[in-house]
Amino acid sequence: MRLCSKPRCTTSGVAVLFYDYSEKRASLADAPTGDLSPHLYVLCERCANAIKPPQGWVLEDKRGAPRLFAGR
């Protein structure tokens, strides 16, 4: 798996972030194996849990693993 896309983060990525600009939606999903589209951002667990969507957008978390702090 690739490293996290966040600058200065050297942790292995476990999730991908992608944007749907027409619906103003950001989505997190489990990182697939194999080649990834260059339009996806790979994130480690810590960075994925800290992500905030742009103002007025919705963040949809489609990851299969249960989040430790679901209310945050």
N, C-alpha and C. Protein backbone atom coordinates (compact mmCIF):
# COMPACT_ATOMS: atom_id res chain seq x y z
N MET A 1 0.84 -1.19 0.00
CA MET A 1 0.00 0.00 0.00
C MET A 1 0.88 1.24 0.00
N ARG A 2 0.35 2.28 -0.48
CA ARG A 2 1.07 3.55 -0.56
C ARG A 2 1.08 4.26 0.79
N LEU A 3 1.93 5.26 0.87
CA LEU A 3 1.97 6.11 2.06
C LEU A 3 0.85 7.13 2.01
N CYS A 4 0.51 7.67 3.16
CA CYS A 4 -0.51 8.70 3.28
C CYS A 4 -0.17 9.90 2.39
N SER A 5 -1.17 10.48 1.76
CA SER A 5 -0.98 11.62 0.85
C SER A 5 -0.77 12.95 1.57
N LYS A 6 -1.06 12.98 2.87
CA LYS A 6 -0.90 14.23 3.62
C LYS A 6 0.59 14.57 3.72
N PRO A 7 0.94 15.83 3.50
CA PRO A 7 2.34 16.23 3.60
C PRO A 7 2.93 15.91 4.97
N ARG A 8 4.14 15.44 5.00
CA ARG A 8 4.90 15.09 6.20
C ARG A 8 4.37 13.88 6.95
N CYS A 9 3.36 13.20 6.46
CA CYS A 9 2.88 11.98 7.11
C CYS A 9 3.56 10.80 6.42
N THR A 10 4.19 9.95 7.19
CA THR A 10 4.93 8.81 6.63
C THR A 10 4.29 7.48 7.00
N THR A 11 3.01 7.51 7.36
CA THR A 11 2.29 6.31 7.76
C THR A 11 1.66 5.65 6.53
N SER A 12 1.54 4.34 6.55
CA SER A 12 0.91 3.61 5.45
C SER A 12 -0.57 3.96 5.33
N GLY A 13 -1.03 4.11 4.12
CA GLY A 13 -2.43 4.43 3.87
C GLY A 13 -3.34 3.24 4.04
N VAL A 14 -4.53 3.49 4.60
CA VAL A 14 -5.53 2.44 4.79
C VAL A 14 -6.88 2.81 4.18
N ALA A 15 -7.00 4.06 3.73
CA ALA A 15 -8.27 4.55 3.19
C ALA A 15 -7.98 5.43 1.98
N VAL A 16 -9.01 5.64 1.17
CA VAL A 16 -8.91 6.58 0.06
C VAL A 16 -9.99 7.64 0.21
N LEU A 17 -9.67 8.85 -0.21
CA LEU A 17 -10.59 9.97 -0.18
C LEU A 17 -10.83 10.38 -1.62
N PHE A 18 -12.10 10.58 -1.96
CA PHE A 18 -12.42 11.07 -3.30
C PHE A 18 -13.55 12.06 -3.20
N TYR A 19 -13.61 12.95 -4.19
CA TYR A 19 -14.58 14.04 -4.20
C TYR A 19 -15.54 13.89 -5.37
N ASP A 20 -16.81 14.21 -5.12
CA ASP A 20 -17.81 14.34 -6.17
C ASP A 20 -18.20 15.81 -6.18
N TYR A 21 -17.58 16.56 -7.08
CA TYR A 21 -17.76 18.01 -7.10
C TYR A 21 -19.19 18.41 -7.45
N SER A 22 -19.86 17.64 -8.31
CA SER A 22 -21.21 18.00 -8.72
C SER A 22 -22.21 17.87 -7.58
N GLU A 23 -21.94 16.95 -6.63
CA GLU A 23 -22.85 16.75 -5.49
C GLU A 23 -22.32 17.34 -4.19
N LYS A 24 -21.15 17.99 -4.26
CA LYS A 24 -20.51 18.54 -3.07
C LYS A 24 -20.40 17.48 -1.97
N ARG A 25 -19.78 16.35 -2.35
CA ARG A 25 -19.66 15.21 -1.44
C ARG A 25 -18.22 14.71 -1.45
N ALA A 26 -17.66 14.52 -0.25
CA ALA A 26 -16.36 13.88 -0.09
C ALA A 26 -16.63 12.50 0.50
N SER A 27 -15.95 11.48 0.01
CA SER A 27 -16.18 10.12 0.48
C SER A 27 -14.88 9.46 0.87
N LEU A 28 -14.94 8.74 1.99
CA LEU A 28 -13.84 7.90 2.45
C LEU A 28 -14.22 6.45 2.23
N ALA A 29 -13.28 5.64 1.75
CA ALA A 29 -13.54 4.22 1.53
C ALA A 29 -12.28 3.45 1.91
N ASP A 30 -12.44 2.16 2.16
CA ASP A 30 -11.28 1.31 2.41
C ASP A 30 -10.40 1.32 1.16
N ALA A 31 -9.11 1.33 1.37
CA ALA A 31 -8.18 1.37 0.24
C ALA A 31 -8.21 0.04 -0.51
N PRO A 32 -8.42 0.08 -1.82
CA PRO A 32 -8.40 -1.15 -2.60
C PRO A 32 -6.97 -1.62 -2.83
N THR A 33 -6.82 -2.88 -3.17
CA THR A 33 -5.50 -3.39 -3.51
C THR A 33 -5.27 -3.14 -4.99
N GLY A 34 -4.03 -3.05 -5.37
CA GLY A 34 -3.71 -2.83 -6.78
C GLY A 34 -3.54 -1.37 -7.11
N ASP A 35 -3.60 -1.08 -8.39
CA ASP A 35 -3.41 0.29 -8.87
C ASP A 35 -4.57 1.19 -8.48
N LEU A 36 -4.25 2.44 -8.17
CA LEU A 36 -5.26 3.42 -7.79
C LEU A 36 -5.33 4.53 -8.83
N SER A 37 -6.49 5.08 -8.97
CA SER A 37 -6.68 6.24 -9.84
C SER A 37 -5.88 7.42 -9.28
N PRO A 38 -5.30 8.24 -10.13
CA PRO A 38 -4.59 9.42 -9.63
C PRO A 38 -5.53 10.46 -9.02
N HIS A 39 -6.84 10.24 -9.12
CA HIS A 39 -7.82 11.17 -8.57
C HIS A 39 -8.21 10.82 -7.14
N LEU A 40 -7.58 9.79 -6.57
CA LEU A 40 -7.85 9.37 -5.20
C LEU A 40 -6.70 9.81 -4.30
N TYR A 41 -7.02 10.14 -3.08
CA TYR A 41 -6.02 10.50 -2.09
C TYR A 41 -5.94 9.38 -1.06
N VAL A 42 -4.77 8.83 -0.86
CA VAL A 42 -4.56 7.76 0.12
C VAL A 42 -4.33 8.41 1.47
N LEU A 43 -5.01 7.89 2.51
CA LEU A 43 -4.88 8.44 3.86
C LEU A 43 -4.62 7.34 4.86
N CYS A 44 -3.81 7.64 5.88
CA CYS A 44 -3.63 6.71 6.99
C CYS A 44 -4.86 6.81 7.90
N GLU A 45 -4.95 5.94 8.87
CA GLU A 45 -6.11 5.92 9.77
C GLU A 45 -6.27 7.26 10.51
N ARG A 46 -5.17 7.80 11.04
CA ARG A 46 -5.23 9.04 11.80
C ARG A 46 -5.70 10.21 10.93
N CYS A 47 -5.13 10.34 9.75
CA CYS A 47 -5.50 11.44 8.85
C CYS A 47 -6.93 11.27 8.32
N ALA A 48 -7.35 10.03 8.05
CA ALA A 48 -8.71 9.78 7.58
C ALA A 48 -9.73 10.16 8.65
N ASN A 49 -9.43 9.85 9.90
CA ASN A 49 -10.36 10.18 10.98
C ASN A 49 -10.41 11.67 11.26
N ALA A 50 -9.39 12.41 10.86
CA ALA A 50 -9.33 13.85 11.13
C ALA A 50 -9.82 14.69 9.95
N ILE A 51 -10.15 14.06 8.83
CA ILE A 51 -10.51 14.82 7.62
C ILE A 51 -11.82 15.58 7.83
N LYS A 52 -11.84 16.79 7.33
CA LYS A 52 -13.06 17.61 7.38
C LYS A 52 -13.37 18.03 5.94
N PRO A 53 -14.61 17.91 5.52
CA PRO A 53 -14.96 18.29 4.14
C PRO A 53 -14.98 19.81 4.00
N PRO A 54 -14.92 20.31 2.78
CA PRO A 54 -15.06 21.76 2.58
C PRO A 54 -16.41 22.25 3.14
N GLN A 55 -16.46 23.51 3.52
CA GLN A 55 -17.69 24.08 4.07
C GLN A 55 -18.84 23.91 3.07
N GLY A 56 -19.98 23.40 3.55
CA GLY A 56 -21.15 23.18 2.72
C GLY A 56 -21.17 21.82 2.04
N TRP A 57 -20.13 21.01 2.25
CA TRP A 57 -20.05 19.68 1.67
C TRP A 57 -20.42 18.62 2.71
N VAL A 58 -20.72 17.42 2.24
CA VAL A 58 -21.04 16.28 3.10
C VAL A 58 -19.87 15.30 3.04
N LEU A 59 -19.49 14.74 4.19
CA LEU A 59 -18.47 13.69 4.24
C LEU A 59 -19.18 12.37 4.45
N GLU A 60 -18.99 11.46 3.53
CA GLU A 60 -19.61 10.13 3.60
C GLU A 60 -18.51 9.12 3.90
N ASP A 61 -18.61 8.44 5.03
CA ASP A 61 -17.60 7.45 5.43
C ASP A 61 -18.11 6.07 5.05
N LYS A 62 -17.52 5.49 4.02
CA LYS A 62 -17.92 4.17 3.52
C LYS A 62 -16.95 3.08 3.94
N ARG A 63 -16.06 3.39 4.89
CA ARG A 63 -15.10 2.38 5.33
C ARG A 63 -15.83 1.26 6.07
N GLY A 64 -15.35 0.04 5.87
CA GLY A 64 -15.99 -1.12 6.49
C GLY A 64 -15.59 -1.31 7.94
N ALA A 65 -14.38 -0.93 8.31
CA ALA A 65 -13.90 -1.11 9.68
C ALA A 65 -14.60 -0.11 10.60
N PRO A 66 -15.04 -0.54 11.76
CA PRO A 66 -15.69 0.39 12.69
C PRO A 66 -14.70 1.44 13.17
N ARG A 67 -15.18 2.68 13.27
CA ARG A 67 -14.34 3.78 13.75
C ARG A 67 -14.30 3.77 15.26
N LEU A 68 -13.14 4.08 15.80
CA LEU A 68 -12.95 4.08 17.25
C LEU A 68 -13.77 5.18 17.92
N PHE A 69 -13.78 6.36 17.35
CA PHE A 69 -14.52 7.49 17.89
C PHE A 69 -15.54 7.93 16.86
N ALA A 70 -16.65 7.22 16.74
CA ALA A 70 -17.64 7.46 15.71
C ALA A 70 -18.31 8.83 15.83
N GLY A 71 -18.35 9.41 17.01
CA GLY A 71 -19.03 10.67 17.20
C GLY A 71 -18.21 11.90 16.84
N ARG A 72 -16.98 11.73 16.47
CA ARG A 72 -16.12 12.89 16.20
C ARG A 72 -16.17 13.32 14.79
